[in-house]
């Protein structure tokens, strides 16, 4: 769940999410020390990006818990955060396992009223009927504006607003914003 948290002196609330990473060793030998590291890029921030776990074995999973914030610095370019687990195998050789954490869209944007016009526009033509945008962006809790599920507005925490429109009678979508990075 994405919740608002104040983590600076201003009255601005920035969203945060808790990420739980479960680890289990596939060999029968327990690993003494595993360092789990998240590597978020701005606007995302992890106050404690590395956690050291001891005794990771093949039995019950070990869990590392991270908090990730959106600082509101800029538009989020990617919702995927690299995750690396470093350890030393039983022969003394250093090893690492790479994975990624997919953040929820609600950590990057919030619902906002759609804009009627914008400086930058991208039109996408498909061979399928348009989908209900409120359902497509359901995790952000968007509301249909003007009673139409074919138009929604989203606002990045850095201030950029985007509007997504689905054509009623053709198989087209339009994404528009007054900020090119917002697209």
N, C-alpha and C. Protein backbone atom coordinates (compact mmCIF):
# COMPACT_ATOMS: atom_id res chain seq x y z
N UNK A 1 0.84 -1.18 0.00
CA UNK A 1 0.00 0.00 0.00
C UNK A 1 0.88 1.24 0.00
N UNK A 2 0.50 2.24 -0.79
CA UNK A 2 1.22 3.49 -0.85
C UNK A 2 0.56 4.44 0.14
N UNK A 3 1.35 5.02 1.04
CA UNK A 3 0.83 5.97 2.01
C UNK A 3 1.64 7.25 1.94
N UNK A 4 1.04 8.36 2.39
CA UNK A 4 1.73 9.64 2.41
C UNK A 4 2.52 9.80 3.69
N UNK A 5 3.76 10.25 3.57
CA UNK A 5 4.61 10.44 4.73
C UNK A 5 5.38 11.75 4.55
N UNK A 6 5.46 12.55 5.61
CA UNK A 6 6.27 13.76 5.55
C UNK A 6 7.68 13.38 5.99
N UNK A 7 8.66 13.61 5.12
CA UNK A 7 10.02 13.27 5.52
C UNK A 7 10.98 14.44 5.30
N UNK A 8 10.44 15.65 5.28
CA UNK A 8 11.29 16.83 5.28
C UNK A 8 10.58 17.93 6.07
N UNK A 9 11.17 19.12 6.12
CA UNK A 9 10.62 20.19 6.94
C UNK A 9 9.38 20.84 6.33
N UNK A 10 9.13 20.66 5.05
CA UNK A 10 7.95 21.26 4.41
C UNK A 10 6.70 20.49 4.82
N UNK A 11 5.56 21.02 4.43
CA UNK A 11 4.29 20.35 4.72
C UNK A 11 3.88 19.40 3.61
N UNK A 12 4.79 19.15 2.66
CA UNK A 12 4.47 18.29 1.53
C UNK A 12 4.51 16.83 1.96
N UNK A 13 3.48 16.10 1.59
CA UNK A 13 3.46 14.67 1.86
C UNK A 13 3.97 13.94 0.64
N UNK A 14 4.92 13.08 0.83
CA UNK A 14 5.46 12.27 -0.25
C UNK A 14 5.04 10.82 -0.01
N UNK A 15 4.75 10.11 -1.07
CA UNK A 15 4.30 8.73 -0.88
C UNK A 15 5.46 7.81 -0.51
N UNK A 16 5.13 6.75 0.19
CA UNK A 16 6.11 5.74 0.55
C UNK A 16 5.47 4.36 0.43
N UNK A 17 6.29 3.37 0.22
CA UNK A 17 5.82 1.99 0.14
C UNK A 17 6.84 1.12 0.87
N UNK A 18 6.36 0.06 1.49
CA UNK A 18 7.25 -0.91 2.14
C UNK A 18 7.44 -2.10 1.22
N UNK A 19 8.69 -2.44 0.97
CA UNK A 19 9.03 -3.56 0.11
C UNK A 19 9.61 -4.67 0.99
N UNK A 20 9.03 -5.86 0.88
CA UNK A 20 9.52 -7.01 1.63
C UNK A 20 10.14 -7.99 0.65
N UNK A 21 11.40 -8.33 0.89
CA UNK A 21 12.14 -9.25 0.03
C UNK A 21 12.38 -10.54 0.82
N UNK A 22 11.90 -11.65 0.27
CA UNK A 22 12.09 -12.96 0.91
C UNK A 22 13.25 -13.68 0.24
N UNK A 23 14.15 -14.23 1.05
CA UNK A 23 15.30 -14.97 0.53
C UNK A 23 15.33 -16.36 1.12
N UNK A 24 15.72 -17.30 0.28
CA UNK A 24 15.93 -18.68 0.71
C UNK A 24 17.09 -19.22 -0.10
N UNK A 25 17.96 -19.94 0.56
CA UNK A 25 19.11 -20.55 -0.10
C UNK A 25 18.68 -21.86 -0.73
N UNK A 26 19.06 -22.09 -1.99
CA UNK A 26 18.65 -23.33 -2.66
C UNK A 26 19.56 -24.51 -2.31
N UNK A 27 20.71 -24.24 -1.71
CA UNK A 27 21.58 -25.35 -1.30
C UNK A 27 21.26 -25.74 0.14
N UNK A 28 21.79 -26.86 0.57
CA UNK A 28 21.52 -27.32 1.93
C UNK A 28 22.42 -26.64 2.96
N UNK A 29 23.39 -25.87 2.47
CA UNK A 29 24.31 -25.16 3.35
C UNK A 29 23.79 -23.74 3.59
N UNK A 30 23.77 -23.34 4.84
CA UNK A 30 23.30 -22.00 5.20
C UNK A 30 24.37 -20.96 4.87
N UNK A 31 23.93 -19.80 4.43
CA UNK A 31 24.85 -18.70 4.15
C UNK A 31 24.93 -17.81 5.39
N UNK A 32 26.16 -17.54 5.84
CA UNK A 32 26.35 -16.79 7.07
C UNK A 32 25.94 -15.32 6.94
N UNK A 33 26.33 -14.71 5.84
CA UNK A 33 26.07 -13.28 5.71
C UNK A 33 25.65 -12.96 4.28
N UNK A 34 24.43 -12.43 4.11
CA UNK A 34 23.92 -12.03 2.80
C UNK A 34 23.57 -10.55 2.90
N UNK A 35 24.16 -9.74 2.02
CA UNK A 35 23.86 -8.32 1.98
C UNK A 35 22.88 -8.06 0.85
N UNK A 36 21.70 -7.58 1.19
CA UNK A 36 20.66 -7.28 0.22
C UNK A 36 20.64 -5.77 0.02
N UNK A 37 20.75 -5.34 -1.26
CA UNK A 37 20.83 -3.92 -1.56
C UNK A 37 19.81 -3.54 -2.63
N UNK A 38 19.04 -2.49 -2.34
CA UNK A 38 18.15 -1.87 -3.34
C UNK A 38 18.89 -0.67 -3.90
N UNK A 39 18.75 -0.43 -5.21
CA UNK A 39 19.45 0.69 -5.83
C UNK A 39 18.46 1.61 -6.55
N UNK A 40 17.65 2.36 -5.77
CA UNK A 40 16.67 3.24 -6.41
C UNK A 40 17.35 4.46 -7.03
N UNK A 41 16.76 4.94 -8.13
CA UNK A 41 17.23 6.17 -8.76
C UNK A 41 16.19 7.25 -8.51
N UNK A 42 16.62 8.51 -8.44
CA UNK A 42 15.65 9.58 -8.21
C UNK A 42 14.52 9.54 -9.22
N UNK A 43 13.32 9.80 -8.77
CA UNK A 43 12.94 10.45 -7.53
C UNK A 43 12.75 9.49 -6.35
N UNK A 44 13.08 8.22 -6.51
CA UNK A 44 12.88 7.26 -5.43
C UNK A 44 14.09 7.23 -4.52
N UNK A 45 13.84 6.99 -3.24
CA UNK A 45 14.88 7.03 -2.22
C UNK A 45 14.60 5.99 -1.16
N UNK A 46 15.63 5.24 -0.79
CA UNK A 46 15.53 4.27 0.31
C UNK A 46 16.45 4.75 1.43
N UNK A 47 15.92 5.13 2.59
CA UNK A 47 16.77 5.61 3.69
C UNK A 47 17.81 4.58 4.12
N UNK A 48 17.47 3.31 4.06
CA UNK A 48 18.40 2.23 4.38
C UNK A 48 18.43 1.29 3.18
N UNK A 49 19.32 1.55 2.20
CA UNK A 49 19.30 0.75 0.97
C UNK A 49 19.92 -0.64 1.10
N UNK A 50 20.68 -0.91 2.18
CA UNK A 50 21.31 -2.23 2.35
C UNK A 50 20.96 -2.81 3.71
N UNK A 51 20.71 -4.13 3.70
CA UNK A 51 20.42 -4.85 4.93
C UNK A 51 21.25 -6.13 4.90
N UNK A 52 21.88 -6.46 6.03
CA UNK A 52 22.67 -7.69 6.13
C UNK A 52 21.84 -8.73 6.88
N UNK A 53 21.67 -9.89 6.24
CA UNK A 53 20.94 -11.00 6.86
C UNK A 53 21.94 -12.10 7.21
N UNK A 54 21.73 -12.74 8.33
CA UNK A 54 22.60 -13.85 8.74
C UNK A 54 21.79 -15.14 8.77
N UNK A 55 22.45 -16.23 8.49
CA UNK A 55 21.81 -17.53 8.57
C UNK A 55 20.73 -17.77 7.54
N UNK A 56 20.96 -17.38 6.29
CA UNK A 56 19.98 -17.64 5.23
C UNK A 56 20.18 -19.07 4.77
N UNK A 57 19.17 -19.90 4.96
CA UNK A 57 19.28 -21.32 4.62
C UNK A 57 18.15 -21.79 3.73
N UNK A 58 18.04 -23.11 3.62
CA UNK A 58 17.02 -23.71 2.75
C UNK A 58 15.68 -23.87 3.46
N UNK A 59 15.65 -23.59 4.75
CA UNK A 59 14.40 -23.72 5.51
C UNK A 59 13.49 -22.53 5.27
N UNK A 60 12.94 -21.98 6.34
CA UNK A 60 12.05 -20.83 6.21
C UNK A 60 12.79 -19.65 5.56
N UNK A 61 12.03 -18.82 4.86
CA UNK A 61 12.65 -17.69 4.17
C UNK A 61 13.09 -16.63 5.16
N UNK A 62 14.14 -15.91 4.80
CA UNK A 62 14.60 -14.75 5.55
C UNK A 62 14.02 -13.52 4.86
N UNK A 63 13.66 -12.50 5.63
CA UNK A 63 13.01 -11.35 5.03
C UNK A 63 13.82 -10.08 5.29
N UNK A 64 13.98 -9.28 4.23
CA UNK A 64 14.56 -7.94 4.34
C UNK A 64 13.44 -6.96 4.01
N UNK A 65 13.25 -5.95 4.85
CA UNK A 65 12.18 -4.98 4.66
C UNK A 65 12.79 -3.60 4.42
N UNK A 66 12.35 -2.96 3.33
CA UNK A 66 12.85 -1.64 2.94
C UNK A 66 11.68 -0.67 2.84
N UNK A 67 11.93 0.59 3.15
CA UNK A 67 10.97 1.66 2.87
C UNK A 67 11.50 2.43 1.68
N UNK A 68 10.62 2.75 0.73
CA UNK A 68 11.01 3.51 -0.45
C UNK A 68 10.09 4.71 -0.56
N UNK A 69 10.69 5.88 -0.71
CA UNK A 69 9.96 7.14 -0.80
C UNK A 69 10.06 7.72 -2.20
N UNK A 70 9.09 8.54 -2.56
CA UNK A 70 9.20 9.39 -3.73
C UNK A 70 9.52 10.77 -3.19
N UNK A 71 10.66 11.34 -3.59
CA UNK A 71 11.10 12.63 -3.07
C UNK A 71 10.44 13.81 -3.77
N UNK A 72 9.77 13.57 -4.90
CA UNK A 72 9.15 14.65 -5.64
C UNK A 72 10.13 15.48 -6.45
N UNK A 73 11.38 15.00 -6.58
CA UNK A 73 12.42 15.75 -7.30
C UNK A 73 12.16 15.88 -8.79
N UNK A 74 11.70 14.78 -9.40
CA UNK A 74 11.52 14.78 -10.85
C UNK A 74 10.56 13.66 -11.24
N UNK A 75 10.29 13.57 -12.55
CA UNK A 75 9.41 12.54 -13.08
C UNK A 75 10.10 11.18 -12.96
N UNK A 76 9.34 10.20 -12.52
CA UNK A 76 9.88 8.84 -12.43
C UNK A 76 9.96 8.25 -13.84
N UNK A 77 11.15 7.86 -14.26
CA UNK A 77 11.33 7.29 -15.59
C UNK A 77 11.10 5.79 -15.62
N UNK A 78 11.20 5.14 -14.47
CA UNK A 78 11.09 3.68 -14.41
C UNK A 78 10.58 3.30 -13.03
N UNK A 79 9.67 2.36 -12.99
CA UNK A 79 9.14 1.88 -11.71
C UNK A 79 9.85 0.62 -11.23
N UNK A 80 10.88 0.21 -11.93
CA UNK A 80 11.64 -0.98 -11.58
C UNK A 80 12.93 -0.57 -10.86
N UNK A 81 13.18 -1.17 -9.70
CA UNK A 81 14.38 -0.87 -8.93
C UNK A 81 15.25 -2.12 -8.86
N UNK A 82 16.53 -2.00 -9.24
CA UNK A 82 17.43 -3.15 -9.16
C UNK A 82 17.63 -3.60 -7.70
N UNK A 83 17.74 -4.89 -7.54
CA UNK A 83 17.95 -5.52 -6.23
C UNK A 83 19.10 -6.51 -6.39
N UNK A 84 20.08 -6.45 -5.48
CA UNK A 84 21.23 -7.35 -5.55
C UNK A 84 21.45 -7.98 -4.18
N UNK A 85 21.68 -9.28 -4.16
CA UNK A 85 22.05 -9.99 -2.93
C UNK A 85 23.48 -10.49 -3.10
N UNK A 86 24.39 -10.04 -2.25
CA UNK A 86 25.80 -10.45 -2.27
C UNK A 86 26.05 -11.44 -1.14
N UNK A 87 26.81 -12.49 -1.44
CA UNK A 87 27.14 -13.48 -0.42
C UNK A 87 28.43 -14.17 -0.83
N UNK A 88 28.97 -14.97 0.09
CA UNK A 88 30.15 -15.77 -0.18
C UNK A 88 29.74 -17.24 -0.09
N UNK A 89 30.05 -18.01 -1.15
CA UNK A 89 29.64 -19.42 -1.13
C UNK A 89 30.54 -20.23 -0.20
N UNK A 90 30.26 -21.53 -0.06
CA UNK A 90 31.01 -22.36 0.89
C UNK A 90 32.45 -22.59 0.48
N UNK A 91 32.83 -22.21 -0.75
CA UNK A 91 34.23 -22.31 -1.21
C UNK A 91 34.96 -20.99 -1.01
N UNK A 92 34.28 -19.98 -0.45
CA UNK A 92 34.90 -18.69 -0.21
C UNK A 92 34.85 -17.73 -1.38
N UNK A 93 34.13 -18.07 -2.43
CA UNK A 93 34.04 -17.20 -3.61
C UNK A 93 32.85 -16.25 -3.46
N UNK A 94 33.08 -14.96 -3.76
CA UNK A 94 31.96 -14.01 -3.69
C UNK A 94 30.99 -14.24 -4.84
N UNK A 95 29.71 -14.14 -4.55
CA UNK A 95 28.66 -14.34 -5.54
C UNK A 95 27.61 -13.24 -5.37
N UNK A 96 26.83 -13.05 -6.43
CA UNK A 96 25.72 -12.10 -6.33
C UNK A 96 24.55 -12.61 -7.16
N UNK A 97 23.38 -12.27 -6.71
CA UNK A 97 22.13 -12.61 -7.40
C UNK A 97 21.43 -11.29 -7.68
N UNK A 98 21.03 -11.10 -8.93
CA UNK A 98 20.38 -9.86 -9.34
C UNK A 98 18.90 -10.10 -9.62
N UNK A 99 18.08 -9.16 -9.21
CA UNK A 99 16.66 -9.20 -9.48
C UNK A 99 16.17 -7.76 -9.50
N UNK A 100 14.88 -7.55 -9.57
CA UNK A 100 14.35 -6.19 -9.51
C UNK A 100 13.03 -6.19 -8.76
N UNK A 101 12.69 -5.02 -8.27
CA UNK A 101 11.44 -4.81 -7.55
C UNK A 101 10.60 -3.88 -8.40
N UNK A 102 9.36 -4.25 -8.67
CA UNK A 102 8.45 -3.40 -9.45
C UNK A 102 7.61 -2.58 -8.48
N UNK A 103 7.77 -1.26 -8.53
CA UNK A 103 7.03 -0.38 -7.64
C UNK A 103 5.62 -0.12 -8.18
N UNK A 104 4.67 0.14 -7.32
CA UNK A 104 3.31 0.44 -7.79
C UNK A 104 3.26 1.83 -8.44
N UNK A 105 2.40 1.98 -9.43
CA UNK A 105 2.25 3.25 -10.13
C UNK A 105 1.89 4.38 -9.17
N UNK A 106 1.14 4.06 -8.12
CA UNK A 106 0.74 5.05 -7.13
C UNK A 106 1.88 5.70 -6.38
N UNK A 107 3.09 5.12 -6.45
CA UNK A 107 4.26 5.74 -5.83
C UNK A 107 4.81 6.86 -6.70
N UNK A 108 4.45 6.88 -7.98
CA UNK A 108 4.97 7.88 -8.92
C UNK A 108 3.95 8.95 -9.26
N UNK A 109 2.66 8.61 -9.28
CA UNK A 109 1.62 9.55 -9.70
C UNK A 109 0.42 9.49 -8.77
N UNK A 110 -0.36 10.57 -8.83
CA UNK A 110 -1.63 10.64 -8.10
C UNK A 110 -2.70 11.09 -9.09
N UNK A 111 -3.95 10.76 -8.84
CA UNK A 111 -5.02 11.22 -9.75
C UNK A 111 -5.11 12.75 -9.73
N UNK A 112 -5.47 13.31 -10.86
CA UNK A 112 -5.66 14.75 -10.97
C UNK A 112 -6.65 15.02 -12.09
N UNK A 113 -7.20 16.22 -12.15
CA UNK A 113 -8.12 16.52 -13.26
C UNK A 113 -7.37 16.50 -14.60
N UNK A 114 -7.98 15.98 -15.64
CA UNK A 114 -7.31 15.97 -16.95
C UNK A 114 -7.26 17.38 -17.55
N UNK A 115 -6.26 17.62 -18.35
CA UNK A 115 -6.09 18.90 -19.05
C UNK A 115 -6.71 18.78 -20.43
N UNK A 116 -7.36 19.85 -20.91
CA UNK A 116 -7.99 19.81 -22.23
C UNK A 116 -6.98 19.92 -23.36
N UNK A 117 -5.93 20.69 -23.15
CA UNK A 117 -4.92 20.84 -24.19
C UNK A 117 -3.54 20.76 -23.55
N UNK A 118 -2.54 20.48 -24.38
CA UNK A 118 -1.18 20.34 -23.88
C UNK A 118 -0.19 20.64 -24.99
N UNK A 119 1.03 20.95 -24.61
CA UNK A 119 2.07 21.28 -25.58
C UNK A 119 2.58 20.03 -26.31
N UNK A 120 2.62 18.89 -25.63
CA UNK A 120 3.16 17.66 -26.21
C UNK A 120 2.07 16.60 -26.23
N UNK A 121 1.94 15.94 -27.40
CA UNK A 121 0.90 14.92 -27.55
C UNK A 121 1.46 13.73 -28.32
N UNK A 122 1.06 12.55 -27.88
CA UNK A 122 1.42 11.31 -28.57
C UNK A 122 0.11 10.57 -28.82
N UNK A 123 -0.11 10.18 -30.08
CA UNK A 123 -1.31 9.41 -30.43
C UNK A 123 -0.89 7.98 -30.74
N UNK A 124 -1.60 7.04 -30.15
CA UNK A 124 -1.30 5.62 -30.34
C UNK A 124 -2.52 4.98 -30.99
N UNK A 125 -2.30 4.32 -32.11
CA UNK A 125 -3.38 3.65 -32.83
C UNK A 125 -3.21 2.14 -32.63
N UNK A 126 -4.30 1.45 -32.30
CA UNK A 126 -4.25 0.02 -32.06
C UNK A 126 -5.25 -0.71 -32.96
N UNK A 127 -5.21 -2.02 -32.90
CA UNK A 127 -6.19 -2.81 -33.64
C UNK A 127 -7.22 -3.43 -32.69
N UNK A 128 -7.29 -2.90 -31.48
CA UNK A 128 -8.25 -3.38 -30.47
C UNK A 128 -9.14 -2.23 -30.02
N UNK A 129 -10.31 -2.56 -29.54
CA UNK A 129 -11.22 -1.55 -28.99
C UNK A 129 -10.59 -0.91 -27.75
N UNK A 130 -10.84 0.36 -27.50
CA UNK A 130 -10.25 1.01 -26.33
C UNK A 130 -10.75 0.38 -25.03
N UNK A 131 -9.87 0.37 -24.05
CA UNK A 131 -10.22 -0.19 -22.74
C UNK A 131 -10.69 0.93 -21.82
N UNK A 132 -11.33 0.56 -20.74
CA UNK A 132 -11.77 1.51 -19.73
C UNK A 132 -10.53 1.98 -18.97
N UNK A 133 -10.19 3.27 -19.08
CA UNK A 133 -8.97 3.80 -18.48
C UNK A 133 -9.01 3.78 -16.95
N UNK A 134 -10.20 3.93 -16.38
CA UNK A 134 -10.32 3.88 -14.93
C UNK A 134 -9.93 2.50 -14.43
N UNK A 135 -10.31 1.46 -15.15
CA UNK A 135 -9.93 0.09 -14.78
C UNK A 135 -8.45 -0.15 -15.05
N UNK A 136 -7.94 0.38 -16.17
CA UNK A 136 -6.54 0.19 -16.53
C UNK A 136 -5.61 0.80 -15.49
N UNK A 137 -5.96 1.97 -14.98
CA UNK A 137 -5.14 2.65 -13.97
C UNK A 137 -5.77 2.53 -12.60
N UNK A 138 -6.40 1.40 -12.33
CA UNK A 138 -7.14 1.17 -11.10
C UNK A 138 -6.34 1.34 -9.83
N UNK A 139 -5.06 1.00 -9.85
CA UNK A 139 -4.27 1.08 -8.62
C UNK A 139 -4.01 2.52 -8.18
N UNK A 140 -4.27 3.49 -9.05
CA UNK A 140 -4.09 4.90 -8.71
C UNK A 140 -5.40 5.51 -8.21
N UNK A 141 -6.49 4.77 -8.26
CA UNK A 141 -7.81 5.22 -7.82
C UNK A 141 -8.29 6.44 -8.61
N UNK A 142 -8.15 6.36 -9.92
CA UNK A 142 -8.62 7.44 -10.80
C UNK A 142 -10.13 7.42 -10.85
N UNK A 143 -10.68 8.60 -11.07
CA UNK A 143 -12.13 8.71 -11.27
C UNK A 143 -12.38 9.16 -12.69
N UNK A 144 -13.48 8.73 -13.24
CA UNK A 144 -13.87 9.17 -14.58
C UNK A 144 -14.29 10.62 -14.49
N UNK A 145 -13.70 11.46 -15.34
CA UNK A 145 -14.06 12.88 -15.35
C UNK A 145 -15.13 13.11 -16.38
N UNK A 146 -16.14 13.83 -15.99
CA UNK A 146 -17.27 14.07 -16.87
C UNK A 146 -18.08 12.81 -17.10
N UNK A 147 -17.95 11.82 -16.19
CA UNK A 147 -18.70 10.58 -16.32
C UNK A 147 -18.17 9.67 -17.42
N UNK A 148 -17.00 9.99 -17.97
CA UNK A 148 -16.46 9.19 -19.06
C UNK A 148 -15.22 8.43 -18.61
N UNK A 149 -15.24 7.11 -18.69
CA UNK A 149 -14.04 6.35 -18.32
C UNK A 149 -12.97 6.39 -19.40
N UNK A 150 -13.13 7.27 -20.39
CA UNK A 150 -12.20 7.36 -21.50
C UNK A 150 -11.23 8.53 -21.35
N UNK A 151 -11.21 9.18 -20.18
CA UNK A 151 -10.33 10.33 -19.97
C UNK A 151 -9.91 10.38 -18.51
N UNK A 152 -8.62 10.32 -18.25
CA UNK A 152 -8.13 10.43 -16.88
C UNK A 152 -6.95 11.38 -16.84
N UNK A 153 -6.71 11.93 -15.68
CA UNK A 153 -5.55 12.78 -15.46
C UNK A 153 -4.70 12.20 -14.35
N UNK A 154 -3.39 12.32 -14.52
CA UNK A 154 -2.43 11.85 -13.52
C UNK A 154 -1.42 12.96 -13.28
N UNK A 155 -0.97 13.10 -12.06
CA UNK A 155 0.01 14.12 -11.73
C UNK A 155 1.20 13.47 -11.05
N UNK A 156 2.39 13.70 -11.60
CA UNK A 156 3.61 13.24 -10.95
C UNK A 156 3.83 14.08 -9.70
N UNK A 157 4.51 13.54 -8.71
CA UNK A 157 4.75 14.27 -7.47
C UNK A 157 5.74 15.41 -7.68
N UNK A 158 6.38 15.47 -8.83
CA UNK A 158 7.26 16.59 -9.16
C UNK A 158 6.48 17.74 -9.79
N UNK A 159 5.17 17.56 -10.05
CA UNK A 159 4.32 18.63 -10.53
C UNK A 159 3.79 18.46 -11.94
N UNK A 160 4.42 17.66 -12.78
CA UNK A 160 3.95 17.48 -14.15
C UNK A 160 2.63 16.73 -14.17
N UNK A 161 1.73 17.17 -15.05
CA UNK A 161 0.43 16.53 -15.20
C UNK A 161 0.34 15.90 -16.58
N UNK A 162 -0.25 14.71 -16.64
CA UNK A 162 -0.49 14.06 -17.92
C UNK A 162 -1.96 13.70 -18.02
N UNK A 163 -2.44 13.67 -19.25
CA UNK A 163 -3.82 13.27 -19.51
C UNK A 163 -3.79 12.12 -20.50
N UNK A 164 -4.58 11.10 -20.23
CA UNK A 164 -4.70 9.95 -21.12
C UNK A 164 -6.15 9.91 -21.60
N UNK A 165 -6.31 9.89 -22.94
CA UNK A 165 -7.64 9.86 -23.54
C UNK A 165 -7.78 8.63 -24.41
N UNK A 166 -8.93 8.00 -24.37
CA UNK A 166 -9.25 6.89 -25.27
C UNK A 166 -10.39 7.34 -26.15
N UNK A 167 -10.21 7.23 -27.46
CA UNK A 167 -11.25 7.66 -28.41
C UNK A 167 -12.47 6.76 -28.27
N UNK A 168 -13.64 7.34 -28.42
CA UNK A 168 -14.88 6.57 -28.29
C UNK A 168 -15.15 5.72 -29.53
N UNK A 169 -14.94 6.30 -30.69
CA UNK A 169 -15.35 5.63 -31.92
C UNK A 169 -14.21 5.08 -32.76
N UNK A 170 -12.99 5.34 -32.38
CA UNK A 170 -11.85 4.78 -33.13
C UNK A 170 -10.95 4.04 -32.15
N UNK A 171 -9.96 3.42 -32.66
CA UNK A 171 -9.06 2.61 -31.82
C UNK A 171 -7.79 3.39 -31.54
N UNK A 172 -7.95 4.57 -30.94
CA UNK A 172 -6.82 5.45 -30.68
C UNK A 172 -6.80 5.90 -29.23
N UNK A 173 -5.57 6.14 -28.77
CA UNK A 173 -5.33 6.72 -27.46
C UNK A 173 -4.47 7.96 -27.66
N UNK A 174 -4.63 8.92 -26.77
CA UNK A 174 -3.74 10.08 -26.79
C UNK A 174 -3.21 10.28 -25.38
N UNK A 175 -1.91 10.49 -25.30
CA UNK A 175 -1.25 10.84 -24.04
C UNK A 175 -0.71 12.25 -24.26
N UNK A 176 -1.02 13.16 -23.34
CA UNK A 176 -0.58 14.53 -23.53
C UNK A 176 -0.14 15.16 -22.23
N UNK A 177 0.79 16.12 -22.34
CA UNK A 177 1.32 16.80 -21.19
C UNK A 177 1.97 18.11 -21.63
N UNK A 178 2.07 19.06 -20.73
CA UNK A 178 2.80 20.29 -21.01
C UNK A 178 4.29 20.11 -20.74
N UNK A 179 4.67 18.95 -20.26
CA UNK A 179 6.07 18.63 -19.98
C UNK A 179 6.46 17.39 -20.77
N UNK A 180 7.51 17.49 -21.56
CA UNK A 180 7.94 16.34 -22.36
C UNK A 180 8.36 15.15 -21.47
N UNK A 181 9.10 15.37 -20.37
CA UNK A 181 9.42 14.22 -19.51
C UNK A 181 8.19 13.55 -18.92
N UNK A 182 7.09 14.29 -18.78
CA UNK A 182 5.86 13.73 -18.25
C UNK A 182 5.26 12.67 -19.15
N UNK A 183 5.56 12.74 -20.45
CA UNK A 183 5.03 11.74 -21.37
C UNK A 183 5.66 10.39 -21.09
